[in-house]
Every structure is written in C-alpha cells, then in structure tokens.
Amino acid sequence: MIVQKFWSAFMAQINKVANIFWQADPIAQMQYEYDRAVDELKEGRVGLEQYRGLVERVTRQVAANRAHVQKLEAETKAYLKAGDRATAAKFALELQKGKTDLAANEQQLQMHETAYNNNLRKIQHANSKLAELQQKIHKYDAELKMSAAEAEIAKLAESFDLNLTTDFGQIESVIQQKIDQNRGKVRVAADLSQKGIAEIDAEERMQAVLAEEALTSFEVELGLKSPETTRIAPATKDLGPAATDRPLDKQTN
C-alpha cells in the first residue's frame, strides 16, 4: 500500500514535469507528433510495399495455375478424342486437382488484394491528414507568434502612457527632475551674475556726472560759459542732495 502511494506520487511529479515541457512550446510538441507520425507512415509504406510483393507473388501463382488448368483441359480433350480414356482419366483427375488449387489461390488473391487496397486507402488518408496537420502547425505557429507580438505591443502601449507606476513613467520623472535641477543651476548662475550690477551702475553714473562737471568747469575757464549761468559744484563737493540749488535759484531770481 505504501509502495503504491510512493509510486503514485512519483508518477504525479513526472506527469507535472511532462506537462511543463508540454506547455512550454506547443508548436514544437505538435511538430514532434507530426514527425513521429511521418516516421510511422514511412514504416507503414515499407510494410505495404512488402505486402504488395506478396500479392504479386500470389497473382503470378494464380496465373500459373490458370495456365496449368487450361493445359490439362486441352490434354484431357485430346486424349478423349483419341479414344484413350485411361490417359484422359488420368489428366482429368489432375485437372480436377488443378482447378481446386486455382480456386483456392484465386480466393487467397482476392483476400490479399482487398487487404492491400484497404491499407493503401488508409495510408493515402493518413497522408492527407498529415498534410492538413502540417498546414495547421504553420498556421498555429504564425498565430502564436502574432499573438505574442500583439501582447508585447499592448504592453508597450501601456508603458507609453507614461504613468508614474510604469518604468517609462518613472524614467520620465527622473529625466524631468534632472532637467529641473539643470535649469535651477542656470537660474542661480544668472541671478548670481547680477550681483554688484547696481553698484557698478551707480559708480558709472557718478563718473559720468563728474566728467560732465569737469567739462563744464573747463568751458567756464575758456569763457564758453559764464559762471552765473552754469551750476558748478565745488571741487570738494560730493554727489549728494542738491543743497546748492536754492541759492542758485535765488541768484537767478
């Protein structure tokens, strides 16, 4: 009882492994079954050829028996016409035996011919079925590959939705993050490049004012302008609020 249980469990595991290989590549399994059927059909054809040889041998034997019977009939008739009844009776007895053998051989030939024709039809039918099976194998192989390609395309289409839960979506998120970081670096660099621009602009404006005042003083010295009409800041005066504007305004008034 225990041995039977172990054997049943072992056979169950073997069957499980066989099913795994069976389902792993069904097209290969179908091709294997087709090749095995072709081999069996080849063996059947060899057997049929050998059987046909037997039929041909029986046919030749029947033809020989028929010729022998015809010869015995002719000889029996000839001896009867010649009045030799004893010899005619001898040939008549042999003719009777020959006809019996001929009937038996013809019956055997008919049986062999029927068996041969039946086996021939079976092999021809098997050939047509094998051709259909080969077409099915090619069809299923193409359909299986096409369905696998469609499944991959569907999987890619799902990934190309760029959902954050997919690999493509996560990759895109990482790329966008790096792009944002790079743009942030560029913005910081641009903002830092503006540092000190206001001081530089103020200094340039101050230099422009000082240059204008120096030019105006030079024009007064040359007499091109009168001091009364020209507002010239003292040399030691810095650029502050226009405190001297009011006396000048009063002088002008």
C-alpha atoms as a PDB file:
ATOM      1  CA  MET A   1       0.000   0.000   0.000  1.00  0.00           C
ATOM      2  CA  ILE A   2       2.798   2.428   0.943  1.00  0.00           C
ATOM      3  CA  VAL A   3       4.808   1.474  -2.146  1.00  0.00           C
ATOM      4  CA  GLN A   4       1.757   2.126  -4.301  1.00  0.00           C
ATOM      5  CA  LYS A   5       1.351   5.588  -2.754  1.00  0.00           C
ATOM      6  CA  PHE A   6       5.010   6.407  -3.372  1.00  0.00           C
ATOM      7  CA  TRP A   7       4.681   5.214  -6.937  1.00  0.00           C
ATOM      8  CA  SER A   8       1.540   7.300  -7.471  1.00  0.00           C
ATOM      9  CA  ALA A   9       3.238  10.397  -6.013  1.00  0.00           C
ATOM     10  CA  PHE A  10       6.318   9.798  -8.186  1.00  0.00           C
ATOM     11  CA  MET A  11       4.220   9.397 -11.334  1.00  0.00           C
ATOM     12  CA  ALA A  12       2.277  12.546 -10.428  1.00  0.00           C
ATOM     13  CA  GLN A  13       5.528  14.529 -10.280  1.00  0.00           C
ATOM     14  CA  ILE A  14       6.674  13.025 -13.585  1.00  0.00           C
ATOM     15  CA  ASN A  15       3.346  13.982 -15.112  1.00  0.00           C
ATOM     16  CA  LYS A  16       3.743  17.501 -13.706  1.00  0.00           C
ATOM     17  CA  VAL A  17       7.178  17.875 -15.292  1.00  0.00           C
ATOM     18  CA  ALA A  18       5.853  16.441 -18.551  1.00  0.00           C
ATOM     19  CA  ASN A  19       3.026  18.974 -18.556  1.00  0.00           C
ATOM     20  CA  ILE A  20       5.521  21.791 -18.031  1.00  0.00           C
ATOM     21  CA  PHE A  21       7.527  20.726 -21.078  1.00  0.00           C
ATOM     22  CA  TRP A  22       4.304  20.039 -22.975  1.00  0.00           C
ATOM     23  CA  GLN A  23       3.014  23.570 -22.413  1.00  0.00           C
ATOM     24  CA  ALA A  24       6.389  25.316 -22.776  1.00  0.00           C
ATOM     25  CA  ASP A  25       6.464  25.036 -26.569  1.00  0.00           C
ATOM     26  CA  PRO A  26       3.247  23.543 -28.001  1.00  0.00           C
ATOM     27  CA  ILE A  27       4.354  24.163 -31.582  1.00  0.00           C
ATOM     28  CA  ALA A  28       7.472  22.070 -31.033  1.00  0.00           C
ATOM     29  CA  GLN A  29       5.297  19.386 -29.465  1.00  0.00           C
ATOM     30  CA  MET A  30       2.982  19.394 -32.476  1.00  0.00           C
ATOM     31  CA  GLN A  31       5.975  19.202 -34.800  1.00  0.00           C
ATOM     32  CA  TYR A  32       7.296  16.263 -32.809  1.00  0.00           C
ATOM     33  CA  GLU A  33       3.968  14.459 -33.094  1.00  0.00           C
ATOM     34  CA  TYR A  34       3.922  15.216 -36.820  1.00  0.00           C
ATOM     35  CA  ASP A  35       7.453  13.880 -37.329  1.00  0.00           C
ATOM     36  CA  ARG A  36       6.628  10.751 -35.363  1.00  0.00           C
ATOM     37  CA  ALA A  37       3.511  10.197 -37.466  1.00  0.00           C
ATOM     38  CA  VAL A  38       5.586  10.660 -40.625  1.00  0.00           C
ATOM     39  CA  ASP A  39       8.067   8.047 -39.412  1.00  0.00           C
ATOM     40  CA  GLU A  40       5.249   5.626 -38.632  1.00  0.00           C
ATOM     41  CA  LEU A  41       3.736   6.286 -42.023  1.00  0.00           C
ATOM     42  CA  LYS A  42       7.068   5.569 -43.683  1.00  0.00           C
ATOM     43  CA  GLU A  43       7.242   2.255 -41.853  1.00  0.00           C
ATOM     44  CA  GLY A  44       3.673   1.535 -42.915  1.00  0.00           C
ATOM     45  CA  ARG A  45       4.570   2.275 -46.506  1.00  0.00           C
ATOM     46  CA  VAL A  46       7.501  -0.138 -46.345  1.00  0.00           C
ATOM     47  CA  GLY A  47       5.162  -2.783 -44.938  1.00  0.00           C
ATOM     48  CA  LEU A  48       2.647  -2.067 -47.679  1.00  0.00           C
ATOM     49  CA  GLU A  49       5.333  -2.445 -50.326  1.00  0.00           C
ATOM     50  CA  GLN A  50       6.304  -5.806 -48.855  1.00  0.00           C
ATOM     51  CA  TYR A  51       2.659  -6.857 -48.757  1.00  0.00           C
ATOM     52  CA  ARG A  52       2.256  -5.836 -52.374  1.00  0.00           C
ATOM     53  CA  GLY A  53       5.155  -8.139 -53.165  1.00  0.00           C
ATOM     54  CA  LEU A  54       3.173 -10.974 -51.600  1.00  0.00           C
ATOM     55  CA  VAL A  55       0.135 -10.055 -53.686  1.00  0.00           C
ATOM     56  CA  GLU A  56       2.220 -10.047 -56.837  1.00  0.00           C
ATOM     57  CA  ARG A  57       3.613 -13.478 -55.982  1.00  0.00           C
ATOM     58  CA  VAL A  58       0.109 -14.882 -55.413  1.00  0.00           C
ATOM     59  CA  THR A  59      -1.032 -13.255 -58.640  1.00  0.00           C
ATOM     60  CA  ARG A  60       1.785 -14.941 -60.526  1.00  0.00           C
ATOM     61  CA  GLN A  61       0.901 -18.241 -58.873  1.00  0.00           C
ATOM     62  CA  VAL A  62      -2.752 -17.882 -59.849  1.00  0.00           C
ATOM     63  CA  ALA A  63      -1.753 -17.108 -63.417  1.00  0.00           C
ATOM     64  CA  ALA A  64       0.440 -20.229 -63.464  1.00  0.00           C
ATOM     65  CA  ASN A  65      -2.398 -22.328 -62.034  1.00  0.00           C
ATOM     66  CA  ARG A  66      -4.792 -20.996 -64.629  1.00  0.00           C
ATOM     67  CA  ALA A  67      -2.383 -21.777 -67.431  1.00  0.00           C
ATOM     68  CA  HIS A  68      -1.830 -25.271 -65.995  1.00  0.00           C
ATOM     69  CA  VAL A  69      -5.585 -25.879 -65.804  1.00  0.00           C
ATOM     70  CA  GLN A  70      -6.033 -24.745 -69.392  1.00  0.00           C
ATOM     71  CA  LYS A  71      -3.248 -27.096 -70.495  1.00  0.00           C
ATOM     72  CA  LEU A  72      -4.793 -30.022 -68.598  1.00  0.00           C
ATOM     73  CA  GLU A  73      -8.184 -29.306 -70.158  1.00  0.00           C
ATOM     74  CA  ALA A  74      -6.653 -29.314 -73.624  1.00  0.00           C
ATOM     75  CA  GLU A  75      -4.759 -32.564 -72.987  1.00  0.00           C
ATOM     76  CA  THR A  76      -7.821 -34.276 -71.491  1.00  0.00           C
ATOM     77  CA  LYS A  77      -9.906 -33.328 -74.529  1.00  0.00           C
ATOM     78  CA  ALA A  78      -7.180 -34.505 -76.864  1.00  0.00           C
ATOM     79  CA  TYR A  79      -6.935 -37.935 -75.247  1.00  0.00           C
ATOM     80  CA  LEU A  80     -10.711 -38.276 -75.267  1.00  0.00           C
ATOM     81  CA  LYS A  81     -10.825 -37.560 -78.987  1.00  0.00           C
ATOM     82  CA  ALA A  82      -8.080 -40.065 -79.496  1.00  0.00           C
ATOM     83  CA  GLY A  83     -10.119 -42.721 -77.651  1.00  0.00           C
ATOM     84  CA  ASP A  84      -7.547 -43.094 -74.896  1.00  0.00           C
ATOM     85  CA  ARG A  85      -9.885 -42.964 -71.910  1.00  0.00           C
ATOM     86  CA  ALA A  86      -7.356 -44.204 -69.403  1.00  0.00           C
ATOM     87  CA  THR A  87      -4.908 -41.446 -70.143  1.00  0.00           C
ATOM     88  CA  ALA A  88      -7.757 -38.931 -70.402  1.00  0.00           C
ATOM     89  CA  ALA A  89      -8.997 -40.016 -66.948  1.00  0.00           C
ATOM     90  CA  LYS A  90      -5.506 -39.529 -65.539  1.00  0.00           C
ATOM     91  CA  PHE A  91      -5.367 -35.983 -66.926  1.00  0.00           C
ATOM     92  CA  ALA A  92      -8.976 -35.364 -65.826  1.00  0.00           C
ATOM     93  CA  LEU A  93      -8.024 -36.223 -62.233  1.00  0.00           C
ATOM     94  CA  GLU A  94      -5.030 -33.913 -62.369  1.00  0.00           C
ATOM     95  CA  LEU A  95      -7.274 -31.246 -63.941  1.00  0.00           C
ATOM     96  CA  GLN A  96      -9.697 -31.536 -61.030  1.00  0.00           C
ATOM     97  CA  LYS A  97      -6.874 -31.052 -58.556  1.00  0.00           C
ATOM     98  CA  GLY A  98      -5.546 -28.087 -60.552  1.00  0.00           C
ATOM     99  CA  LYS A  99      -8.975 -26.430 -60.569  1.00  0.00           C
ATOM    100  CA  THR A 100      -9.199 -26.867 -56.799  1.00  0.00           C
ATOM    101  CA  ASP A 101      -5.784 -25.285 -56.310  1.00  0.00           C
ATOM    102  CA  LEU A 102      -6.710 -22.469 -58.717  1.00  0.00           C
ATOM    103  CA  ALA A 103      -9.926 -21.713 -56.826  1.00  0.00           C
ATOM    104  CA  ALA A 104      -8.060 -21.626 -53.522  1.00  0.00           C
ATOM    105  CA  ASN A 105      -5.334 -19.401 -54.913  1.00  0.00           C
ATOM    106  CA  GLU A 106      -7.864 -17.057 -56.538  1.00  0.00           C
ATOM    107  CA  GLN A 107      -9.699 -16.775 -53.220  1.00  0.00           C
ATOM    108  CA  GLN A 108      -6.418 -16.039 -51.451  1.00  0.00           C
ATOM    109  CA  LEU A 109      -5.503 -13.496 -54.119  1.00  0.00           C
ATOM    110  CA  GLN A 110      -8.839 -11.756 -53.718  1.00  0.00           C
ATOM    111  CA  MET A 111      -8.329 -11.577 -49.958  1.00  0.00           C
ATOM    112  CA  HIS A 112      -4.826 -10.151 -50.341  1.00  0.00           C
ATOM    113  CA  GLU A 113      -5.962  -7.644 -52.959  1.00  0.00           C
ATOM    114  CA  THR A 114      -8.754  -6.434 -50.662  1.00  0.00           C
ATOM    115  CA  ALA A 115      -6.377  -6.122 -47.697  1.00  0.00           C
ATOM    116  CA  TYR A 116      -3.813  -4.309 -49.820  1.00  0.00           C
ATOM    117  CA  ASN A 117      -6.380  -1.833 -51.169  1.00  0.00           C
ATOM    118  CA  ASN A 118      -7.717  -1.158 -47.673  1.00  0.00           C
ATOM    119  CA  ASN A 119      -4.229  -0.483 -46.300  1.00  0.00           C
ATOM    120  CA  LEU A 120      -3.442   1.652 -49.321  1.00  0.00           C
ATOM    121  CA  ARG A 121      -6.534   3.779 -48.681  1.00  0.00           C
ATOM    122  CA  LYS A 122      -5.564   4.135 -45.018  1.00  0.00           C
ATOM    123  CA  ILE A 123      -2.069   5.333 -45.909  1.00  0.00           C
ATOM    124  CA  GLN A 124      -3.418   7.729 -48.528  1.00  0.00           C
ATOM    125  CA  HIS A 125      -5.878   9.083 -45.957  1.00  0.00           C
ATOM    126  CA  ALA A 126      -3.077   9.416 -43.411  1.00  0.00           C
ATOM    127  CA  ASN A 127      -1.017  11.312 -45.982  1.00  0.00           C
ATOM    128  CA  SER A 128      -3.813  13.814 -46.500  1.00  0.00           C
ATOM    129  CA  LYS A 129      -4.250  14.182 -42.737  1.00  0.00           C
ATOM    130  CA  LEU A 130      -0.536  14.781 -42.314  1.00  0.00           C
ATOM    131  CA  ALA A 131      -0.667  17.496 -44.963  1.00  0.00           C
ATOM    132  CA  GLU A 132      -3.549  19.142 -43.086  1.00  0.00           C
ATOM    133  CA  LEU A 133      -1.636  18.799 -39.813  1.00  0.00           C
ATOM    134  CA  GLN A 134       1.432  20.437 -41.349  1.00  0.00           C
ATOM    135  CA  GLN A 135      -0.707  23.355 -42.506  1.00  0.00           C
ATOM    136  CA  LYS A 136      -2.212  23.641 -39.028  1.00  0.00           C
ATOM    137  CA  ILE A 137       1.256  23.663 -37.471  1.00  0.00           C
ATOM    138  CA  HIS A 138       2.332  26.554 -39.723  1.00  0.00           C
ATOM    139  CA  LYS A 139      -0.948  28.357 -39.049  1.00  0.00           C
ATOM    140  CA  TYR A 140      -0.761  27.938 -35.273  1.00  0.00           C
ATOM    141  CA  ASP A 141       2.914  28.901 -35.271  1.00  0.00           C
ATOM    142  CA  ALA A 142       2.142  32.119 -37.140  1.00  0.00           C
ATOM    143  CA  GLU A 143      -0.887  32.891 -34.955  1.00  0.00           C
ATOM    144  CA  LEU A 144       1.067  32.174 -31.772  1.00  0.00           C
ATOM    145  CA  LYS A 145       3.908  34.477 -32.828  1.00  0.00           C
ATOM    146  CA  MET A 146       1.439  37.169 -33.907  1.00  0.00           C
ATOM    147  CA  SER A 147      -0.475  36.960 -30.616  1.00  0.00           C
ATOM    148  CA  ALA A 148       2.820  37.193 -28.697  1.00  0.00           C
ATOM    149  CA  ALA A 149       3.784  40.270 -30.722  1.00  0.00           C
ATOM    150  CA  GLU A 150       0.363  41.811 -30.079  1.00  0.00           C
ATOM    151  CA  ALA A 151       0.791  41.156 -26.360  1.00  0.00           C
ATOM    152  CA  GLU A 152       4.187  42.883 -26.394  1.00  0.00           C
ATOM    153  CA  ILE A 153       2.732  45.813 -28.337  1.00  0.00           C
ATOM    154  CA  ALA A 154      -0.107  46.086 -25.835  1.00  0.00           C
ATOM    155  CA  LYS A 155       2.420  46.021 -23.006  1.00  0.00           C
ATOM    156  CA  LEU A 156       4.461  48.756 -24.686  1.00  0.00           C
ATOM    157  CA  ALA A 157       1.327  50.793 -25.325  1.00  0.00           C
ATOM    158  CA  GLU A 158       0.538  50.594 -21.627  1.00  0.00           C
ATOM    159  CA  SER A 159       4.073  51.675 -20.790  1.00  0.00           C
ATOM    160  CA  PHE A 160       3.935  54.526 -23.285  1.00  0.00           C
ATOM    161  CA  ASP A 161       1.044  56.006 -21.307  1.00  0.00           C
ATOM    162  CA  LEU A 162       3.908  57.308 -19.138  1.00  0.00           C
ATOM    163  CA  ASN A 163       2.044  56.511 -15.990  1.00  0.00           C
ATOM    164  CA  LEU A 164       4.190  57.093 -12.913  1.00  0.00           C
ATOM    165  CA  THR A 165       3.579  53.487 -11.887  1.00  0.00           C
ATOM    166  CA  THR A 166       5.298  52.160 -15.026  1.00  0.00           C
ATOM    167  CA  ASP A 167       9.017  52.000 -15.736  1.00  0.00           C
ATOM    168  CA  PHE A 168       8.736  54.571 -18.521  1.00  0.00           C
ATOM    169  CA  GLY A 169       6.845  56.918 -16.234  1.00  0.00           C
ATOM    170  CA  GLN A 170       9.494  56.612 -13.539  1.00  0.00           C
ATOM    171  CA  ILE A 171      12.253  57.190 -16.085  1.00  0.00           C
ATOM    172  CA  GLU A 172      10.467  60.263 -17.379  1.00  0.00           C
ATOM    173  CA  SER A 173      10.099  61.549 -13.826  1.00  0.00           C
ATOM    174  CA  VAL A 174      13.850  61.157 -13.243  1.00  0.00           C
ATOM    175  CA  ILE A 175      14.619  62.935 -16.522  1.00  0.00           C
ATOM    176  CA  GLN A 176      12.273  65.808 -15.699  1.00  0.00           C
ATOM    177  CA  GLN A 177      13.863  66.086 -12.249  1.00  0.00           C
ATOM    178  CA  LYS A 178      17.335  66.334 -13.792  1.00  0.00           C
ATOM    179  CA  ILE A 179      16.069  68.920 -16.281  1.00  0.00           C
ATOM    180  CA  ASP A 180      14.617  70.968 -13.405  1.00  0.00           C
ATOM    181  CA  GLN A 181      17.897  70.721 -11.500  1.00  0.00           C
ATOM    182  CA  ASN A 182      19.893  71.857 -14.523  1.00  0.00           C
ATOM    183  CA  ARG A 183      17.532  74.770 -15.103  1.00  0.00           C
ATOM    184  CA  GLY A 184      17.789  75.657 -11.434  1.00  0.00           C
ATOM    185  CA  LYS A 185      21.585  75.789 -11.726  1.00  0.00           C
ATOM    186  CA  VAL A 186      21.298  78.039 -14.760  1.00  0.00           C
ATOM    187  CA  ARG A 187      18.866  80.359 -12.935  1.00  0.00           C
ATOM    188  CA  VAL A 188      21.096  80.565  -9.856  1.00  0.00           C
ATOM    189  CA  ALA A 189      24.091  81.352 -12.032  1.00  0.00           C
ATOM    190  CA  ALA A 190      22.095  84.053 -13.806  1.00  0.00           C
ATOM    191  CA  ASP A 191      20.902  85.536 -10.516  1.00  0.00           C
ATOM    192  CA  LEU A 192      24.418  85.488  -9.108  1.00  0.00           C
ATOM    193  CA  SER A 193      25.726  87.231 -12.212  1.00  0.00           C
ATOM    194  CA  GLN A 194      23.500  90.244 -11.346  1.00  0.00           C
ATOM    195  CA  LYS A 195      25.333  90.735  -8.024  1.00  0.00           C
ATOM    196  CA  GLY A 196      27.172  94.074  -7.928  1.00  0.00           C
ATOM    197  CA  ILE A 197      25.478  95.399 -11.068  1.00  0.00           C
ATOM    198  CA  ALA A 198      23.681  98.145  -9.112  1.00  0.00           C
ATOM    199  CA  GLU A 199      26.942  99.354  -7.542  1.00  0.00           C
ATOM    200  CA  ILE A 200      28.630  99.288 -10.936  1.00  0.00           C
ATOM    201  CA  ASP A 201      25.754 101.243 -12.482  1.00  0.00           C
ATOM    202  CA  ALA A 202      25.898 103.854  -9.630  1.00  0.00           C
ATOM    203  CA  GLU A 203      29.644 104.214  -9.996  1.00  0.00           C
ATOM    204  CA  GLU A 204      29.329 104.682 -13.741  1.00  0.00           C
ATOM    205  CA  ARG A 205      26.639 107.327 -13.216  1.00  0.00           C
ATOM    206  CA  MET A 206      28.873 109.112 -10.693  1.00  0.00           C
ATOM    207  CA  GLN A 207      31.777 109.056 -13.147  1.00  0.00           C
ATOM    208  CA  ALA A 208      29.526 110.467 -15.840  1.00  0.00           C
ATOM    209  CA  VAL A 209      28.424 113.334 -13.525  1.00  0.00           C
ATOM    210  CA  LEU A 210      31.985 114.119 -12.520  1.00  0.00           C
ATOM    211  CA  ALA A 211      33.070 114.097 -16.142  1.00  0.00           C
ATOM    212  CA  GLU A 212      30.231 116.451 -17.058  1.00  0.00           C
ATOM    213  CA  GLU A 213      31.155 118.824 -14.230  1.00  0.00           C
ATOM    214  CA  ALA A 214      34.820 118.774 -15.229  1.00  0.00           C
ATOM    215  CA  LEU A 215      33.862 119.574 -18.806  1.00  0.00           C
ATOM    216  CA  THR A 216      31.601 122.401 -17.645  1.00  0.00           C
ATOM    217  CA  SER A 217      34.386 123.885 -15.492  1.00  0.00           C
ATOM    218  CA  PHE A 218      36.715 123.712 -18.470  1.00  0.00           C
ATOM    219  CA  GLU A 219      34.137 125.539 -20.589  1.00  0.00           C
ATOM    220  CA  VAL A 220      33.846 128.294 -17.943  1.00  0.00           C
ATOM    221  CA  GLU A 221      37.622 128.678 -17.894  1.00  0.00           C
ATOM    222  CA  LEU A 222      37.626 129.043 -21.640  1.00  0.00           C
ATOM    223  CA  GLY A 223      34.842 131.590 -21.429  1.00  0.00           C
ATOM    224  CA  LEU A 224      32.488 129.434 -23.362  1.00  0.00           C
ATOM    225  CA  LYS A 225      30.080 129.585 -20.448  1.00  0.00           C
ATOM    226  CA  SER A 226      29.578 132.128 -17.690  1.00  0.00           C
ATOM    227  CA  PRO A 227      29.704 131.068 -14.073  1.00  0.00           C
ATOM    228  CA  GLU A 228      26.414 132.823 -13.458  1.00  0.00           C
ATOM    229  CA  THR A 229      24.530 130.626 -15.899  1.00  0.00           C
ATOM    230  CA  THR A 230      26.372 127.459 -15.057  1.00  0.00           C
ATOM    231  CA  ARG A 231      25.841 125.460 -11.936  1.00  0.00           C
ATOM    232  CA  ILE A 232      29.222 124.074 -10.969  1.00  0.00           C
ATOM    233  CA  ALA A 233      29.583 122.088  -7.826  1.00  0.00           C
ATOM    234  CA  PRO A 234      32.639 122.790  -5.671  1.00  0.00           C
ATOM    235  CA  ALA A 235      35.597 120.505  -6.322  1.00  0.00           C
ATOM    236  CA  THR A 236      35.391 119.009  -2.846  1.00  0.00           C
ATOM    237  CA  LYS A 237      31.643 118.556  -3.006  1.00  0.00           C
ATOM    238  CA  ASP A 238      30.333 115.021  -3.358  1.00  0.00           C
ATOM    239  CA  LEU A 239      27.251 113.990  -5.213  1.00  0.00           C
ATOM    240  CA  GLY A 240      24.630 114.398  -2.529  1.00  0.00           C
ATOM    241  CA  PRO A 241      21.280 116.145  -2.475  1.00  0.00           C
ATOM    242  CA  ALA A 242      21.149 119.366  -4.469  1.00  0.00           C
ATOM    243  CA  ALA A 243      21.580 121.674  -1.428  1.00  0.00           C
ATOM    244  CA  THR A 244      23.138 124.463  -3.524  1.00  0.00           C
ATOM    245  CA  ASP A 245      20.226 124.549  -5.856  1.00  0.00           C
ATOM    246  CA  ARG A 246      18.285 127.016  -3.672  1.00  0.00           C
ATOM    247  CA  PRO A 247      20.967 129.823  -3.565  1.00  0.00           C
ATOM    248  CA  LEU A 248      21.426 129.456  -7.272  1.00  0.00           C
ATOM    249  CA  ASP A 249      17.692 129.699  -7.692  1.00  0.00           C
ATOM    250  CA  LYS A 250      17.669 132.853  -5.563  1.00  0.00           C
ATOM    251  CA  GLN A 251      20.549 134.350  -7.534  1.00  0.00           C
ATOM    252  CA  THR A 252      18.756 133.615 -10.666  1.00  0.00           C
ATOM    253  CA  ASN A 253      15.711 135.329  -9.323  1.00  0.00           C
END
